[in-house]
């Protein structure tokens, strides 16, 4: 039973990683690519490490806190890192794709750039 669970978790991790690499190749701009790779790396790596945790927890060596900490750090660090890279790309004026409709940062930057009016 443990072999089936471990195999399924490895398969899920491999599928997420494969989907992220397809997104990296097929999506039009850096922001879409960041979304695809951010999701796939977080969910794919976490599934693979969880498979490792399940396998070693069922064996005679027992569960390891290292795998659980790895999952926590990937879930915390992956999205934050992707956000920082996307923010740096936007601030360095990497062009958006032609079909991009919503640009939430532009409204925020215009609001911040307005001179303060004295009351």
Protein backbone atom coordinates (compact mmCIF):
# COMPACT_ATOMS: atom_id res chain seq x y z
CA UNK A 1 0.00 0.00 0.00
CA UNK A 2 2.86 2.38 0.82
CA UNK A 3 4.39 1.69 -2.59
CA UNK A 4 1.14 2.71 -4.29
CA UNK A 5 0.87 5.96 -2.29
CA UNK A 6 4.52 6.78 -2.92
CA UNK A 7 4.16 6.04 -6.63
CA UNK A 8 1.06 8.22 -6.91
CA UNK A 9 2.77 11.13 -5.15
CA UNK A 10 5.81 10.78 -7.41
CA UNK A 11 3.55 10.69 -10.47
CA UNK A 12 1.65 13.80 -9.33
CA UNK A 13 4.95 15.61 -8.72
CA UNK A 14 6.26 14.60 -12.13
CA UNK A 15 3.05 15.74 -13.83
CA UNK A 16 3.15 19.14 -12.13
CA UNK A 17 6.79 19.56 -13.09
CA UNK A 18 6.07 18.53 -16.68
CA UNK A 19 3.13 20.94 -16.90
CA UNK A 20 5.36 23.75 -15.62
CA UNK A 21 8.00 23.04 -18.23
CA UNK A 22 5.35 23.06 -20.95
CA UNK A 23 4.15 26.41 -19.63
CA UNK A 24 7.69 27.71 -19.68
CA UNK A 25 7.97 26.82 -23.36
CA UNK A 26 4.49 27.81 -24.55
CA UNK A 27 3.40 30.89 -22.59
CA UNK A 28 4.00 34.31 -24.16
CA UNK A 29 5.65 36.56 -21.57
CA UNK A 30 7.69 36.39 -18.39
CA UNK A 31 4.72 36.94 -16.11
CA UNK A 32 2.74 34.02 -17.50
CA UNK A 33 5.85 31.87 -17.43
CA UNK A 34 6.51 32.83 -13.82
CA UNK A 35 2.97 31.75 -12.93
CA UNK A 36 3.40 28.35 -14.58
CA UNK A 37 6.80 27.63 -13.10
CA UNK A 38 5.87 28.96 -9.67
CA UNK A 39 2.87 26.68 -9.34
CA UNK A 40 4.63 23.66 -10.78
CA UNK A 41 7.74 24.00 -8.68
CA UNK A 42 5.80 24.46 -5.46
CA UNK A 43 3.35 21.61 -6.01
CA UNK A 44 5.69 19.32 -7.93
CA UNK A 45 8.62 19.47 -5.54
CA UNK A 46 6.32 19.24 -2.53
CA UNK A 47 4.66 16.10 -3.91
CA UNK A 48 8.01 14.47 -4.61
CA UNK A 49 9.36 15.31 -1.16
CA UNK A 50 6.10 14.11 0.41
CA UNK A 51 6.56 10.80 -1.42
CA UNK A 52 10.03 10.59 0.12
CA UNK A 53 8.57 11.32 3.55
CA UNK A 54 5.90 8.62 3.20
CA UNK A 55 8.43 6.06 1.97
CA UNK A 56 10.94 6.65 4.75
CA UNK A 57 8.24 6.97 7.43
CA UNK A 58 7.02 3.48 6.50
CA UNK A 59 10.51 1.99 6.47
CA UNK A 60 12.56 1.11 9.51
CA UNK A 61 14.35 4.48 9.56
CA UNK A 62 11.15 6.27 10.59
CA UNK A 63 9.78 9.70 9.63
CA UNK A 64 12.19 12.55 9.04
CA UNK A 65 11.51 16.12 10.04
CA UNK A 66 13.82 17.27 7.23
CA UNK A 67 11.31 16.35 4.54
CA UNK A 68 8.50 18.17 6.32
CA UNK A 69 10.67 21.26 6.78
CA UNK A 70 11.61 21.11 3.10
CA UNK A 71 7.93 21.14 2.13
CA UNK A 72 7.25 24.09 4.45
CA UNK A 73 10.19 26.09 3.07
CA UNK A 74 9.23 25.34 -0.54
CA UNK A 75 5.64 26.44 0.14
CA UNK A 76 6.85 29.64 1.81
CA UNK A 77 9.84 30.47 -0.37
CA UNK A 78 8.63 29.53 -3.84
CA UNK A 79 5.74 31.99 -4.16
CA UNK A 80 7.68 34.79 -2.47
CA UNK A 81 10.62 34.30 -4.82
CA UNK A 82 8.35 34.22 -7.87
CA UNK A 83 6.63 37.41 -6.71
CA UNK A 84 9.94 39.21 -6.22
CA UNK A 85 11.20 38.18 -9.66
CA UNK A 86 7.94 39.27 -11.31
CA UNK A 87 8.06 42.59 -9.47
CA UNK A 88 11.65 43.18 -10.56
CA UNK A 89 10.71 42.33 -14.15
CA UNK A 90 7.81 44.78 -14.06
CA UNK A 91 9.90 47.55 -12.56
CA UNK A 92 12.61 47.06 -15.17
CA UNK A 93 9.83 47.49 -17.76
CA UNK A 94 9.83 44.04 -19.31
CA UNK A 95 7.02 44.31 -21.88
CA UNK A 96 3.69 42.62 -21.25
CA UNK A 97 2.13 40.42 -23.89
CA UNK A 98 -0.11 42.20 -26.42
CA UNK A 99 -3.23 40.41 -25.17
CA UNK A 100 -2.66 41.32 -21.52
CA UNK A 101 -5.83 43.05 -20.38
CA UNK A 102 -5.34 43.79 -16.68
CA UNK A 103 -2.36 45.75 -15.38
CA UNK A 104 -2.99 46.27 -11.67
CA UNK A 105 0.47 47.68 -11.00
CA UNK A 106 -0.07 50.59 -13.38
CA UNK A 107 -2.99 51.97 -11.34
CA UNK A 108 -1.00 51.62 -8.12
CA UNK A 109 2.03 53.39 -9.59
CA UNK A 110 -0.13 56.23 -10.92
CA UNK A 111 -1.72 56.66 -7.50
CA UNK A 112 1.67 56.77 -5.79
CA UNK A 113 3.10 59.15 -8.40
CA UNK A 114 0.37 61.78 -7.90
CA UNK A 115 1.67 64.84 -6.11
CA UNK A 116 0.25 65.32 -2.65
CA UNK A 117 -2.38 68.04 -2.66
CA UNK A 118 -2.50 70.34 0.32
CA UNK A 119 -5.89 70.61 2.00
